[in-house]
Amino acid sequence: MAKARRLKPQEIEEIFRRFHDIEPEPKGELKSVNDFTFLVAVVLSAQATDSGVNRATAELFKAVDTPEKMLALGEEGLREYIKSIGLYRAKARNVIALSKILVEKHGGRVPGEREALEALPGVGRKTANVVLSIIFGEPTIAVDTHLFRLGNRTGLAPGKSPYEVEKELLKIVPKQYLRHAHHWLILHGRYICKARRPECWRCHIADLCQFSEKTPAPV
């Protein structure tokens, strides 16, 4: 596959204008009832689908919605709720450990500082970015496999690592669109610009995208 040409500023502006026109207020697909349960859902979503996490947490979050209640449930009890999720044993361990830290160091609240978030078990840069963006409204962009693929495939933000793509996106996304850029891109990558067979025939930015092997509509 030929390397995509880097998009021009006016092309980037047009891409996000179209995303905005199609869905002015995009929403994530993970379900939660408060900040704590959102953090837990994001931790559980690593290497798992949002729909799979939602199925597992539907009953969990009815019973547990604070770090104190999570600690009372315990690791073994939590495993019973989330055993349908990949890596559930390690994730249960991390959720109990982060709940303990939230109670002991943050008064049971989810901290709004990157350093404090990334100090929590199971929380890396991507998870911290999601939390900072969704809970605290900070202009961050969490680069997952979808955004990494999109950045390179389209010419929007080429980079050799997720961090490089993140830095490039933060540089080139017009300020007025930065708040929702993460959701627009992740949903576009999840449902249209798919890994194996992108659905270029129904893509709203296909004329701007620099992907040279665009897929035709199925017959």
C-alpha atoms as a PDB file:
ATOM      1  CA  MET A   1       0.000   0.000   0.000  1.00  0.00           C
ATOM      2  CA  ALA A   2       1.420   3.374  -1.012  1.00  0.00           C
ATOM      3  CA  LYS A   3       2.066   5.873   1.749  1.00  0.00           C
ATOM      4  CA  ALA A   4      -0.759   8.391   2.008  1.00  0.00           C
ATOM      5  CA  ARG A   5      -0.088  12.049   1.256  1.00  0.00           C
ATOM      6  CA  ARG A   6      -0.417  14.273   4.309  1.00  0.00           C
ATOM      7  CA  LEU A   7      -3.658  16.230   4.127  1.00  0.00           C
ATOM      8  CA  LYS A   8      -3.647  20.000   3.713  1.00  0.00           C
ATOM      9  CA  PRO A   9      -5.107  22.285   6.436  1.00  0.00           C
ATOM     10  CA  GLN A  10      -8.155  23.163   4.316  1.00  0.00           C
ATOM     11  CA  GLU A  11      -8.825  19.462   3.696  1.00  0.00           C
ATOM     12  CA  ILE A  12      -8.593  18.728   7.410  1.00  0.00           C
ATOM     13  CA  GLU A  13     -10.990  21.582   8.160  1.00  0.00           C
ATOM     14  CA  GLU A  14     -13.460  20.193   5.628  1.00  0.00           C
ATOM     15  CA  ILE A  15     -13.263  16.673   7.089  1.00  0.00           C
ATOM     16  CA  PHE A  16     -14.231  17.852  10.547  1.00  0.00           C
ATOM     17  CA  ARG A  17     -16.877  20.222   9.196  1.00  0.00           C
ATOM     18  CA  ARG A  18     -18.541  17.212   7.573  1.00  0.00           C
ATOM     19  CA  PHE A  19     -18.259  15.110  10.728  1.00  0.00           C
ATOM     20  CA  HIS A  20     -19.912  17.957  12.639  1.00  0.00           C
ATOM     21  CA  ASP A  21     -22.694  18.366  10.100  1.00  0.00           C
ATOM     22  CA  ILE A  22     -23.484  14.641  10.230  1.00  0.00           C
ATOM     23  CA  GLU A  23     -23.395  14.331  14.031  1.00  0.00           C
ATOM     24  CA  PRO A  24     -22.927  17.605  15.981  1.00  0.00           C
ATOM     25  CA  GLU A  25     -22.887  15.890  19.390  1.00  0.00           C
ATOM     26  CA  PRO A  26     -21.311  12.432  19.026  1.00  0.00           C
ATOM     27  CA  LYS A  27     -21.533  10.111  22.020  1.00  0.00           C
ATOM     28  CA  GLY A  28     -19.387   7.213  23.131  1.00  0.00           C
ATOM     29  CA  GLU A  29     -20.927   3.768  23.369  1.00  0.00           C
ATOM     30  CA  LEU A  30     -19.732   2.717  26.820  1.00  0.00           C
ATOM     31  CA  LYS A  31     -22.526   2.896  29.382  1.00  0.00           C
ATOM     32  CA  SER A  32     -22.049   4.179  32.918  1.00  0.00           C
ATOM     33  CA  VAL A  33     -23.983   5.849  35.724  1.00  0.00           C
ATOM     34  CA  ASN A  34     -21.346   8.232  37.107  1.00  0.00           C
ATOM     35  CA  ASP A  35     -17.658   9.165  36.835  1.00  0.00           C
ATOM     36  CA  PHE A  36     -16.441   6.144  38.769  1.00  0.00           C
ATOM     37  CA  THR A  37     -18.385   3.615  36.737  1.00  0.00           C
ATOM     38  CA  PHE A  38     -17.215   5.339  33.539  1.00  0.00           C
ATOM     39  CA  LEU A  39     -13.597   4.909  34.628  1.00  0.00           C
ATOM     40  CA  VAL A  40     -14.259   1.240  35.402  1.00  0.00           C
ATOM     41  CA  ALA A  41     -15.955   0.726  32.028  1.00  0.00           C
ATOM     42  CA  VAL A  42     -13.006   2.243  30.167  1.00  0.00           C
ATOM     43  CA  VAL A  43     -10.538   0.045  32.063  1.00  0.00           C
ATOM     44  CA  LEU A  44     -12.638  -3.026  31.264  1.00  0.00           C
ATOM     45  CA  SER A  45     -12.862  -2.056  27.580  1.00  0.00           C
ATOM     46  CA  ALA A  46      -9.145  -2.613  26.896  1.00  0.00           C
ATOM     47  CA  GLN A  47      -8.886  -5.343  24.236  1.00  0.00           C
ATOM     48  CA  ALA A  48     -12.671  -5.809  24.422  1.00  0.00           C
ATOM     49  CA  THR A  49     -15.683  -4.410  22.588  1.00  0.00           C
ATOM     50  CA  ASP A  50     -17.856  -1.690  24.097  1.00  0.00           C
ATOM     51  CA  SER A  51     -20.943  -3.843  23.549  1.00  0.00           C
ATOM     52  CA  GLY A  52     -19.354  -6.749  25.415  1.00  0.00           C
ATOM     53  CA  VAL A  53     -18.420  -4.488  28.314  1.00  0.00           C
ATOM     54  CA  ASN A  54     -21.928  -2.998  28.414  1.00  0.00           C
ATOM     55  CA  ARG A  55     -23.474  -6.459  28.675  1.00  0.00           C
ATOM     56  CA  ALA A  56     -21.225  -7.321  31.600  1.00  0.00           C
ATOM     57  CA  THR A  57     -21.636  -4.033  33.457  1.00  0.00           C
ATOM     58  CA  ALA A  58     -25.417  -3.725  33.085  1.00  0.00           C
ATOM     59  CA  GLU A  59     -25.943  -5.699  36.289  1.00  0.00           C
ATOM     60  CA  LEU A  60     -22.634  -4.734  37.919  1.00  0.00           C
ATOM     61  CA  PHE A  61     -23.417  -1.017  37.922  1.00  0.00           C
ATOM     62  CA  LYS A  62     -26.843  -1.625  39.444  1.00  0.00           C
ATOM     63  CA  ALA A  63     -25.109  -3.111  42.457  1.00  0.00           C
ATOM     64  CA  VAL A  64     -21.853  -1.154  42.506  1.00  0.00           C
ATOM     65  CA  ASP A  65     -21.495   2.545  41.699  1.00  0.00           C
ATOM     66  CA  THR A  66     -18.777   3.759  44.091  1.00  0.00           C
ATOM     67  CA  PRO A  67     -15.226   2.646  44.863  1.00  0.00           C
ATOM     68  CA  GLU A  68     -16.321   1.837  48.398  1.00  0.00           C
ATOM     69  CA  LYS A  69     -18.973  -0.576  47.134  1.00  0.00           C
ATOM     70  CA  MET A  70     -16.453  -2.064  44.706  1.00  0.00           C
ATOM     71  CA  LEU A  71     -14.072  -2.795  47.569  1.00  0.00           C
ATOM     72  CA  ALA A  72     -16.912  -4.383  49.521  1.00  0.00           C
ATOM     73  CA  LEU A  73     -17.724  -6.569  46.501  1.00  0.00           C
ATOM     74  CA  GLY A  74     -14.129  -7.739  46.339  1.00  0.00           C
ATOM     75  CA  GLU A  75     -12.076  -9.206  43.532  1.00  0.00           C
ATOM     76  CA  GLU A  76     -13.791 -12.587  43.528  1.00  0.00           C
ATOM     77  CA  GLY A  77     -17.247 -11.017  43.471  1.00  0.00           C
ATOM     78  CA  LEU A  78     -16.266  -8.678  40.657  1.00  0.00           C
ATOM     79  CA  ARG A  79     -14.938 -11.565  38.565  1.00  0.00           C
ATOM     80  CA  GLU A  80     -18.390 -13.129  38.568  1.00  0.00           C
ATOM     81  CA  TYR A  81     -19.865 -10.043  36.914  1.00  0.00           C
ATOM     82  CA  ILE A  82     -17.150  -9.532  34.288  1.00  0.00           C
ATOM     83  CA  LYS A  83     -16.034 -13.076  33.420  1.00  0.00           C
ATOM     84  CA  SER A  84     -17.431 -12.710  29.901  1.00  0.00           C
ATOM     85  CA  ILE A  85     -14.822  -9.999  29.191  1.00  0.00           C
ATOM     86  CA  GLY A  86     -11.340 -10.878  27.961  1.00  0.00           C
ATOM     87  CA  LEU A  87      -8.551 -10.753  30.579  1.00  0.00           C
ATOM     88  CA  TYR A  88     -11.216 -10.492  33.269  1.00  0.00           C
ATOM     89  CA  ARG A  89      -9.007 -11.770  36.087  1.00  0.00           C
ATOM     90  CA  ALA A  90      -6.349  -9.122  35.571  1.00  0.00           C
ATOM     91  CA  LYS A  91      -8.999  -6.458  35.035  1.00  0.00           C
ATOM     92  CA  ALA A  92     -10.788  -7.407  38.258  1.00  0.00           C
ATOM     93  CA  ARG A  93      -7.483  -7.129  40.100  1.00  0.00           C
ATOM     94  CA  ASN A  94      -6.860  -3.670  38.621  1.00  0.00           C
ATOM     95  CA  VAL A  95     -10.371  -2.365  39.337  1.00  0.00           C
ATOM     96  CA  ILE A  96     -10.168  -3.403  42.985  1.00  0.00           C
ATOM     97  CA  ALA A  97      -6.681  -1.886  43.295  1.00  0.00           C
ATOM     98  CA  LEU A  98      -7.687   1.409  41.671  1.00  0.00           C
ATOM     99  CA  SER A  99     -10.802   1.572  43.853  1.00  0.00           C
ATOM    100  CA  LYS A 100      -8.591   1.287  46.942  1.00  0.00           C
ATOM    101  CA  ILE A 101      -6.396   4.146  45.715  1.00  0.00           C
ATOM    102  CA  LEU A 102      -9.416   6.321  44.925  1.00  0.00           C
ATOM    103  CA  VAL A 103     -10.726   5.838  48.465  1.00  0.00           C
ATOM    104  CA  GLU A 104      -7.380   6.289  50.206  1.00  0.00           C
ATOM    105  CA  LYS A 105      -5.886   9.119  48.145  1.00  0.00           C
ATOM    106  CA  HIS A 106      -8.721  10.913  46.345  1.00  0.00           C
ATOM    107  CA  GLY A 107     -11.690  10.846  48.702  1.00  0.00           C
ATOM    108  CA  GLY A 108     -13.476   8.316  46.509  1.00  0.00           C
ATOM    109  CA  ARG A 109     -13.467  10.654  43.500  1.00  0.00           C
ATOM    110  CA  VAL A 110     -11.952  10.210  40.054  1.00  0.00           C
ATOM    111  CA  PRO A 111      -9.006  12.629  39.818  1.00  0.00           C
ATOM    112  CA  GLY A 112      -8.842  15.124  36.986  1.00  0.00           C
ATOM    113  CA  GLU A 113      -5.061  15.193  36.639  1.00  0.00           C
ATOM    114  CA  ARG A 114      -3.268  13.018  34.093  1.00  0.00           C
ATOM    115  CA  GLU A 115      -0.493  12.023  36.486  1.00  0.00           C
ATOM    116  CA  ALA A 116      -2.956  10.854  39.124  1.00  0.00           C
ATOM    117  CA  LEU A 117      -5.015   8.938  36.576  1.00  0.00           C
ATOM    118  CA  GLU A 118      -2.024   7.183  35.035  1.00  0.00           C
ATOM    119  CA  ALA A 119      -0.904   6.147  38.534  1.00  0.00           C
ATOM    120  CA  LEU A 120      -4.055   4.018  38.841  1.00  0.00           C
ATOM    121  CA  PRO A 121      -3.700   0.290  38.034  1.00  0.00           C
ATOM    122  CA  GLY A 122      -4.983  -0.525  34.558  1.00  0.00           C
ATOM    123  CA  VAL A 123      -4.967   3.122  33.457  1.00  0.00           C
ATOM    124  CA  GLY A 124      -2.528   4.045  30.691  1.00  0.00           C
ATOM    125  CA  ARG A 125      -2.283   7.143  28.532  1.00  0.00           C
ATOM    126  CA  LYS A 126      -5.188   6.159  26.274  1.00  0.00           C
ATOM    127  CA  THR A 127      -7.568   5.474  29.191  1.00  0.00           C
ATOM    128  CA  ALA A 128      -6.493   8.692  30.905  1.00  0.00           C
ATOM    129  CA  ASN A 129      -7.190  10.638  27.708  1.00  0.00           C
ATOM    130  CA  VAL A 130     -10.692   9.183  27.450  1.00  0.00           C
ATOM    131  CA  VAL A 131     -11.451  10.065  31.078  1.00  0.00           C
ATOM    132  CA  LEU A 132      -9.996  13.579  30.782  1.00  0.00           C
ATOM    133  CA  SER A 133     -12.018  14.203  27.629  1.00  0.00           C
ATOM    134  CA  ILE A 134     -15.377  12.714  28.620  1.00  0.00           C
ATOM    135  CA  ILE A 135     -15.516  13.471  32.341  1.00  0.00           C
ATOM    136  CA  PHE A 136     -13.509  16.674  32.541  1.00  0.00           C
ATOM    137  CA  GLY A 137     -14.035  18.124  29.065  1.00  0.00           C
ATOM    138  CA  GLU A 138     -10.352  18.470  28.284  1.00  0.00           C
ATOM    139  CA  PRO A 139      -9.310  18.625  24.608  1.00  0.00           C
ATOM    140  CA  THR A 140      -7.512  15.291  24.503  1.00  0.00           C
ATOM    141  CA  ILE A 141      -7.571  12.568  21.859  1.00  0.00           C
ATOM    142  CA  ALA A 142      -7.225   8.932  22.860  1.00  0.00           C
ATOM    143  CA  VAL A 143      -5.545   7.029  20.036  1.00  0.00           C
ATOM    144  CA  ASP A 144      -6.698   3.421  19.868  1.00  0.00           C
ATOM    145  CA  THR A 145      -6.249   1.008  16.966  1.00  0.00           C
ATOM    146  CA  HIS A 146      -9.043   2.745  15.024  1.00  0.00           C
ATOM    147  CA  LEU A 147      -7.532   6.222  15.309  1.00  0.00           C
ATOM    148  CA  PHE A 148      -4.026   4.951  14.619  1.00  0.00           C
ATOM    149  CA  ARG A 149      -5.255   3.282  11.428  1.00  0.00           C
ATOM    150  CA  LEU A 150      -7.270   6.339  10.374  1.00  0.00           C
ATOM    151  CA  GLY A 151      -4.445   8.775  10.984  1.00  0.00           C
ATOM    152  CA  ASN A 152      -2.115   6.822   8.738  1.00  0.00           C
ATOM    153  CA  ARG A 153      -4.534   5.512   6.138  1.00  0.00           C
ATOM    154  CA  THR A 154      -6.231   8.820   5.343  1.00  0.00           C
ATOM    155  CA  GLY A 155      -3.176  11.078   5.556  1.00  0.00           C
ATOM    156  CA  LEU A 156      -4.852  12.976   8.394  1.00  0.00           C
ATOM    157  CA  ALA A 157      -2.175  12.386  11.033  1.00  0.00           C
ATOM    158  CA  PRO A 158       0.545   9.928   9.987  1.00  0.00           C
ATOM    159  CA  GLY A 159       2.703   8.504  12.764  1.00  0.00           C
ATOM    160  CA  LYS A 160       4.719   5.440  13.694  1.00  0.00           C
ATOM    161  CA  SER A 161       3.174   5.106  17.151  1.00  0.00           C
ATOM    162  CA  PRO A 162      -0.141   5.969  18.805  1.00  0.00           C
ATOM    163  CA  TYR A 163       1.591   8.786  20.688  1.00  0.00           C
ATOM    164  CA  GLU A 164       2.913  10.290  17.440  1.00  0.00           C
ATOM    165  CA  VAL A 165      -0.570  10.175  15.918  1.00  0.00           C
ATOM    166  CA  GLU A 166      -2.030  11.731  19.083  1.00  0.00           C
ATOM    167  CA  LYS A 167       0.460  14.605  19.023  1.00  0.00           C
ATOM    168  CA  GLU A 168      -0.189  15.213  15.326  1.00  0.00           C
ATOM    169  CA  LEU A 169      -3.976  15.197  15.780  1.00  0.00           C
ATOM    170  CA  LEU A 170      -3.774  17.682  18.642  1.00  0.00           C
ATOM    171  CA  LYS A 171      -1.724  19.909  16.342  1.00  0.00           C
ATOM    172  CA  ILE A 172      -3.881  19.743  13.221  1.00  0.00           C
ATOM    173  CA  VAL A 173      -7.509  19.380  14.396  1.00  0.00           C
ATOM    174  CA  PRO A 174      -9.183  22.816  14.241  1.00  0.00           C
ATOM    175  CA  LYS A 175      -9.860  24.114  17.756  1.00  0.00           C
ATOM    176  CA  GLN A 176     -13.606  24.369  17.293  1.00  0.00           C
ATOM    177  CA  TYR A 177     -13.763  20.634  16.544  1.00  0.00           C
ATOM    178  CA  LEU A 178     -11.282  19.346  19.107  1.00  0.00           C
ATOM    179  CA  ARG A 179     -13.874  18.611  21.799  1.00  0.00           C
ATOM    180  CA  HIS A 180     -15.588  15.906  19.715  1.00  0.00           C
ATOM    181  CA  ALA A 181     -12.731  14.806  17.441  1.00  0.00           C
ATOM    182  CA  HIS A 182     -12.066  11.613  19.410  1.00  0.00           C
ATOM    183  CA  HIS A 183     -15.635  10.358  19.087  1.00  0.00           C
ATOM    184  CA  TRP A 184     -16.004  11.291  15.430  1.00  0.00           C
ATOM    185  CA  LEU A 185     -12.803   9.468  14.530  1.00  0.00           C
ATOM    186  CA  ILE A 186     -13.333   6.364  16.644  1.00  0.00           C
ATOM    187  CA  LEU A 187     -16.882   5.877  15.339  1.00  0.00           C
ATOM    188  CA  HIS A 188     -15.724   6.455  11.773  1.00  0.00           C
ATOM    189  CA  GLY A 189     -12.956   3.883  12.220  1.00  0.00           C
ATOM    190  CA  ARG A 190     -15.242   1.396  13.937  1.00  0.00           C
ATOM    191  CA  TYR A 191     -18.111   1.443  11.456  1.00  0.00           C
ATOM    192  CA  ILE A 192     -16.839   2.802   8.125  1.00  0.00           C
ATOM    193  CA  CYS A 193     -13.048   2.904   7.838  1.00  0.00           C
ATOM    194  CA  LYS A 194     -12.718  -0.690   9.028  1.00  0.00           C
ATOM    195  CA  ALA A 195      -9.406  -2.500   9.225  1.00  0.00           C
ATOM    196  CA  ARG A 196      -9.882  -5.301   6.703  1.00  0.00           C
ATOM    197  CA  ARG A 197     -12.443  -3.843   4.336  1.00  0.00           C
ATOM    198  CA  PRO A 198     -13.139  -0.129   4.692  1.00  0.00           C
ATOM    199  CA  GLU A 199     -16.568   0.823   3.401  1.00  0.00           C
ATOM    200  CA  CYS A 200     -15.275   3.589   1.160  1.00  0.00           C
ATOM    201  CA  TRP A 201     -18.441   3.612  -0.952  1.00  0.00           C
ATOM    202  CA  ARG A 202     -20.426   5.119   1.925  1.00  0.00           C
ATOM    203  CA  CYS A 203     -17.683   7.292   3.419  1.00  0.00           C
ATOM    204  CA  HIS A 204     -18.476  11.008   3.659  1.00  0.00           C
ATOM    205  CA  ILE A 205     -14.817  11.994   3.371  1.00  0.00           C
ATOM    206  CA  ALA A 206     -13.728   9.556   0.642  1.00  0.00           C
ATOM    207  CA  ASP A 207     -12.935  12.370  -1.799  1.00  0.00           C
ATOM    208  CA  LEU A 208     -10.467  13.859   0.700  1.00  0.00           C
ATOM    209  CA  CYS A 209      -9.001  10.617   2.047  1.00  0.00           C
ATOM    210  CA  GLN A 210      -5.613   9.675   0.580  1.00  0.00           C
ATOM    211  CA  PHE A 211      -6.120   5.902   0.846  1.00  0.00           C
ATOM    212  CA  SER A 212      -5.257   4.664  -2.645  1.00  0.00           C
ATOM    213  CA  GLU A 213      -6.986   1.275  -2.501  1.00  0.00           C
ATOM    214  CA  LYS A 214     -10.557   2.412  -1.971  1.00  0.00           C
ATOM    215  CA  THR A 215     -13.053  -0.433  -1.872  1.00  0.00           C
ATOM    216  CA  PRO A 216     -15.986  -0.461  -4.302  1.00  0.00           C
ATOM    217  CA  ALA A 217     -19.566  -0.989  -3.224  1.00  0.00           C
ATOM    218  CA  PRO A 218     -20.563  -4.664  -2.992  1.00  0.00           C
ATOM    219  CA  VAL A 219     -22.528  -5.937  -5.977  1.00  0.00           C
END
